[in-house]
Amino acid sequence: MERTIRNAIEREGPHTPVNLEPGDFEIYRSELVTQTATVMMVDLSWSMALRGSFQAAKKVALALSNLISTQFSRDSFYIIGFSAYARELKPEELPFVRWDESVLGTNMHHAFMLAQQMLARHKTGTRQIIMISDGEPTAHLERGRSYFAYPPSPITIRETLKEVKRCTKKGITINTFMLDRNYYLKEFVNQVAKINKGRVFYTTPDKLGEYILVDYVNNKRKHI
């Protein structure tokens, strides 16, 4: 509106009332930006269940899957669940997925490896990882097996950050949604952000959906 009125004043000079003509109007419109391939990495470790974060993460994954399939059909969406190991989850499996009670570990290392394999199918457009977790990495793959240590082993941190660097070199953005603020987690997330330049959100289970869904839509559109 401000630009529209200014155009009329510049055309006729400053007086009231301001007479508007069709050519005076400045209109904002939005357009969809390039295709996006997204991998959502969801922590399945037991701490997510204890803090009430697990159900929230599942609901958000389902909601984002539905949003993309109905409103952004040219986009691609994958889900990875990770605890001691990482594995792909289909949206239709999510309602029945439980946290991993019998194994220990938050193996982001394996999840980042799997996410890169999925995103390698997409040669054009934006590629991103959305990671939801309430804990720092406490496990990594070594010769195909998961090795767990708490507090986190320096080897686990090093190997996980190597995968972050590989993602960065491939142009994959990592946006992290943290559901806790413990010391180890903050230190690790700060290192991820420094390497990858992705964004970090500290949120709560009840606000998780609002953060992720609104952020996704906002980044799909631009004003022209």
Protein backbone atom coordinates (compact mmCIF):
# COMPACT_ATOMS: atom_id res chain seq x y z
CA MET A 1 0.00 0.00 0.00
CA GLU A 2 2.81 2.43 0.87
CA ARG A 3 4.48 1.98 -2.52
CA THR A 4 1.12 2.29 -4.30
CA ILE A 5 0.31 5.63 -2.67
CA ARG A 6 3.83 6.91 -3.25
CA ASN A 7 3.50 6.15 -6.98
CA ALA A 8 0.29 8.18 -7.16
CA ILE A 9 1.86 11.12 -5.31
CA GLU A 10 4.91 11.09 -7.56
CA ARG A 11 2.62 11.06 -10.58
CA GLU A 12 0.22 13.87 -9.50
CA GLY A 13 2.10 15.70 -6.76
CA PRO A 14 1.28 15.90 -3.02
CA HIS A 15 -2.40 16.69 -2.48
CA THR A 16 -5.51 15.09 -1.01
CA PRO A 17 -7.40 13.06 -1.85
CA VAL A 18 -4.81 10.84 -3.52
CA ASN A 19 -6.17 9.60 -6.83
CA LEU A 20 -5.10 6.06 -7.64
CA GLU A 21 -4.82 4.71 -11.17
CA PRO A 22 -4.24 1.10 -12.22
CA GLY A 23 -0.58 1.77 -13.02
CA ASP A 24 0.07 2.99 -9.46
CA PHE A 25 -0.55 -0.35 -7.80
CA GLU A 26 2.41 -2.35 -6.49
CA ILE A 27 1.45 -5.98 -6.07
CA TYR A 28 3.31 -8.65 -4.15
CA ARG A 29 2.83 -12.13 -5.47
CA SER A 30 4.60 -15.32 -4.59
CA GLU A 31 5.89 -18.19 -6.64
CA LEU A 32 7.09 -21.66 -5.75
CA VAL A 33 10.85 -21.92 -5.65
CA THR A 34 12.82 -24.85 -6.99
CA GLN A 35 12.05 -28.48 -6.19
CA THR A 36 13.12 -29.66 -2.76
CA ALA A 37 14.23 -33.10 -1.64
CA THR A 38 13.96 -33.49 2.14
CA VAL A 39 15.10 -36.20 4.51
CA MET A 40 13.64 -35.99 8.00
CA MET A 41 15.82 -37.79 10.56
CA VAL A 42 13.79 -38.73 13.65
CA ASP A 43 15.49 -39.84 16.86
CA LEU A 44 14.01 -43.16 18.06
CA SER A 45 16.11 -43.47 21.22
CA TRP A 46 14.45 -44.19 24.56
CA SER A 47 15.00 -40.65 25.89
CA MET A 48 12.60 -39.31 23.26
CA ALA A 49 9.83 -41.45 24.75
CA LEU A 50 10.66 -40.52 28.33
CA ARG A 51 10.37 -36.80 27.62
CA GLY A 52 7.21 -37.04 25.51
CA SER A 53 9.04 -36.02 22.35
CA PHE A 54 8.56 -39.22 20.37
CA GLN A 55 4.84 -38.85 19.61
CA ALA A 56 5.32 -35.20 18.68
CA ALA A 57 8.09 -36.07 16.23
CA LYS A 58 5.94 -38.77 14.59
CA LYS A 59 3.00 -36.39 14.22
CA VAL A 60 5.20 -33.76 12.61
CA ALA A 61 6.69 -36.28 10.18
CA LEU A 62 3.19 -37.38 9.16
CA ALA A 63 2.00 -33.79 8.82
CA LEU A 64 4.97 -32.76 6.69
CA SER A 65 4.57 -35.85 4.52
CA ASN A 66 0.92 -34.96 3.94
CA LEU A 67 1.71 -31.30 3.28
CA ILE A 68 4.31 -32.15 0.66
CA SER A 69 2.17 -34.78 -1.09
CA THR A 70 -0.87 -32.49 -1.31
CA GLN A 71 0.63 -29.01 -1.80
CA PHE A 72 4.14 -29.53 -3.16
CA SER A 73 3.80 -32.66 -5.27
CA ARG A 74 7.03 -31.97 -7.17
CA ASP A 75 9.01 -32.28 -3.94
CA SER A 76 10.41 -35.50 -2.49
CA PHE A 77 10.25 -36.54 1.16
CA TYR A 78 11.99 -39.35 3.03
CA ILE A 79 11.98 -40.33 6.70
CA ILE A 80 14.82 -41.97 8.62
CA GLY A 81 14.47 -43.31 12.14
CA PHE A 82 17.67 -43.70 14.12
CA SER A 83 18.78 -45.11 17.46
CA ALA A 84 21.64 -47.66 17.56
CA TYR A 85 21.19 -47.97 13.78
CA ALA A 86 19.36 -45.90 11.17
CA ARG A 87 16.65 -47.16 8.83
CA GLU A 88 14.18 -45.73 6.34
CA LEU A 89 10.58 -45.39 7.50
CA LYS A 90 7.63 -45.11 5.15
CA PRO A 91 4.91 -42.58 6.11
CA GLU A 92 2.34 -45.35 6.38
CA GLU A 93 4.57 -47.12 8.94
CA LEU A 94 4.83 -44.14 11.28
CA PRO A 95 1.65 -44.71 13.32
CA PHE A 96 2.99 -48.12 14.31
CA VAL A 97 6.64 -47.19 14.91
CA ARG A 98 7.85 -47.39 18.51
CA TRP A 99 11.00 -46.08 20.10
CA ASP A 100 13.82 -48.59 20.46
CA GLU A 101 13.69 -49.89 24.02
CA SER A 102 16.11 -52.79 23.74
CA VAL A 103 19.14 -51.01 22.23
CA LEU A 104 21.23 -48.03 23.28
CA GLY A 105 22.59 -45.28 21.11
CA THR A 106 21.81 -42.18 19.10
CA ASN A 107 23.54 -42.99 15.83
CA MET A 108 23.42 -39.77 13.82
CA HIS A 109 26.52 -40.98 11.98
CA HIS A 110 24.59 -43.82 10.32
CA ALA A 111 21.55 -41.59 9.72
CA PHE A 112 23.62 -38.96 7.89
CA MET A 113 25.16 -41.68 5.72
CA LEU A 114 21.74 -43.06 4.79
CA ALA A 115 20.34 -39.56 4.16
CA GLN A 116 23.12 -38.81 1.69
CA GLN A 117 22.33 -42.01 -0.22
CA MET A 118 18.68 -40.97 -0.52
CA LEU A 119 19.46 -37.41 -1.58
CA ALA A 120 21.98 -38.62 -4.16
CA ARG A 121 18.95 -39.63 -6.28
CA HIS A 122 18.23 -35.92 -6.80
CA LYS A 123 20.71 -34.07 -9.00
CA THR A 124 18.86 -30.73 -9.18
CA GLY A 125 16.96 -28.50 -6.79
CA THR A 126 17.37 -27.94 -3.08
CA ARG A 127 18.45 -30.83 -0.87
CA GLN A 128 18.05 -30.68 2.88
CA ILE A 129 18.07 -32.73 6.07
CA ILE A 130 15.72 -31.95 8.95
CA MET A 131 17.01 -33.59 12.11
CA ILE A 132 14.85 -33.97 15.23
CA SER A 133 16.62 -35.12 18.38
CA ASP A 134 16.84 -34.56 22.12
CA GLY A 135 20.36 -35.93 22.54
CA GLU A 136 23.89 -35.78 21.27
CA PRO A 137 25.37 -38.61 19.15
CA THR A 138 26.34 -41.56 21.34
CA ALA A 139 26.94 -44.21 18.68
CA HIS A 140 28.65 -44.59 15.33
CA LEU A 141 29.17 -47.31 12.73
CA GLU A 142 32.45 -49.16 12.67
CA ARG A 143 32.85 -52.01 10.17
CA GLY A 144 29.07 -52.20 9.92
CA ARG A 145 28.45 -52.44 13.66
CA SER A 146 27.15 -49.81 16.06
CA TYR A 147 29.48 -48.75 18.87
CA PHE A 148 27.88 -47.00 21.86
CA ALA A 149 29.48 -44.81 24.51
CA TYR A 150 28.13 -42.32 27.02
CA PRO A 151 29.29 -39.65 27.57
CA PRO A 152 29.83 -39.42 23.84
CA SER A 153 33.12 -40.82 22.63
CA PRO A 154 35.42 -38.39 20.79
CA ILE A 155 35.50 -40.99 18.00
CA THR A 156 31.69 -40.86 17.67
CA ILE A 157 31.74 -37.06 17.51
CA ARG A 158 34.57 -37.07 14.98
CA GLU A 159 32.95 -39.66 12.69
CA THR A 160 29.56 -37.92 12.85
CA LEU A 161 31.07 -34.55 11.98
CA LYS A 162 32.87 -36.16 9.05
CA GLU A 163 29.46 -37.00 7.61
CA VAL A 164 28.29 -33.44 8.28
CA LYS A 165 31.27 -32.22 6.25
CA ARG A 166 30.40 -34.62 3.43
CA CYS A 167 26.82 -33.31 3.42
CA THR A 168 28.13 -29.76 3.26
CA LYS A 169 30.44 -30.51 0.32
CA LYS A 170 27.46 -31.99 -1.53
CA GLY A 171 25.39 -28.84 -0.95
CA ILE A 172 23.01 -30.51 1.53
CA THR A 173 21.66 -28.18 4.20
CA ILE A 174 21.16 -29.56 7.71
CA ASN A 175 18.48 -27.85 9.81
CA THR A 176 18.42 -29.14 13.36
CA PHE A 177 15.45 -29.10 15.73
CA MET A 178 16.64 -29.75 19.27
CA LEU A 179 14.31 -30.81 22.06
CA ASP A 180 16.82 -30.42 24.88
CA ARG A 181 19.63 -28.05 25.86
CA ASN A 182 22.19 -30.22 27.66
CA TYR A 183 25.87 -29.29 27.44
CA TYR A 184 27.03 -32.06 25.10
CA LEU A 185 24.11 -31.49 22.75
CA LYS A 186 24.66 -27.74 22.49
CA GLU A 187 28.38 -28.22 21.85
CA PHE A 188 27.72 -30.74 19.10
CA VAL A 189 24.97 -28.69 17.44
CA ASN A 190 27.18 -25.61 17.45
CA GLN A 191 29.83 -27.58 15.57
CA VAL A 192 27.27 -28.82 13.02
CA ALA A 193 26.02 -25.28 12.42
CA LYS A 194 29.57 -23.95 12.08
CA ILE A 195 30.44 -26.56 9.46
CA ASN A 196 27.18 -26.70 7.51
CA LYS A 197 25.78 -23.16 7.99
CA GLY A 198 22.32 -24.66 8.50
CA ARG A 199 19.95 -23.38 11.14
CA VAL A 200 19.37 -24.61 14.68
CA PHE A 201 16.04 -24.40 16.50
CA TYR A 202 15.67 -25.11 20.21
CA THR A 203 12.03 -25.94 20.74
CA THR A 204 9.60 -28.09 22.73
CA PRO A 205 7.47 -31.05 21.63
CA ASP A 206 4.29 -28.97 21.56
CA LYS A 207 5.90 -26.30 19.33
CA LEU A 208 7.79 -28.66 17.04
CA GLY A 209 5.12 -28.88 14.35
CA GLU A 210 4.65 -25.14 14.21
CA TYR A 211 8.37 -24.57 13.74
CA ILE A 212 8.90 -27.19 11.05
CA LEU A 213 5.73 -26.82 8.98
CA VAL A 214 5.74 -23.02 8.94
CA ASP A 215 9.45 -22.95 8.16
CA TYR A 216 9.03 -25.39 5.27
CA VAL A 217 6.23 -23.37 3.66
CA ASN A 218 8.04 -20.05 4.17
CA ASN A 219 11.12 -21.38 2.44
CA LYS A 220 9.12 -22.73 -0.49
CA ARG A 221 7.85 -19.31 -1.53
CA LYS A 222 9.45 -15.99 -2.32
CA HIS A 223 8.07 -12.56 -3.12
CA ILE A 224 8.63 -11.31 -6.66
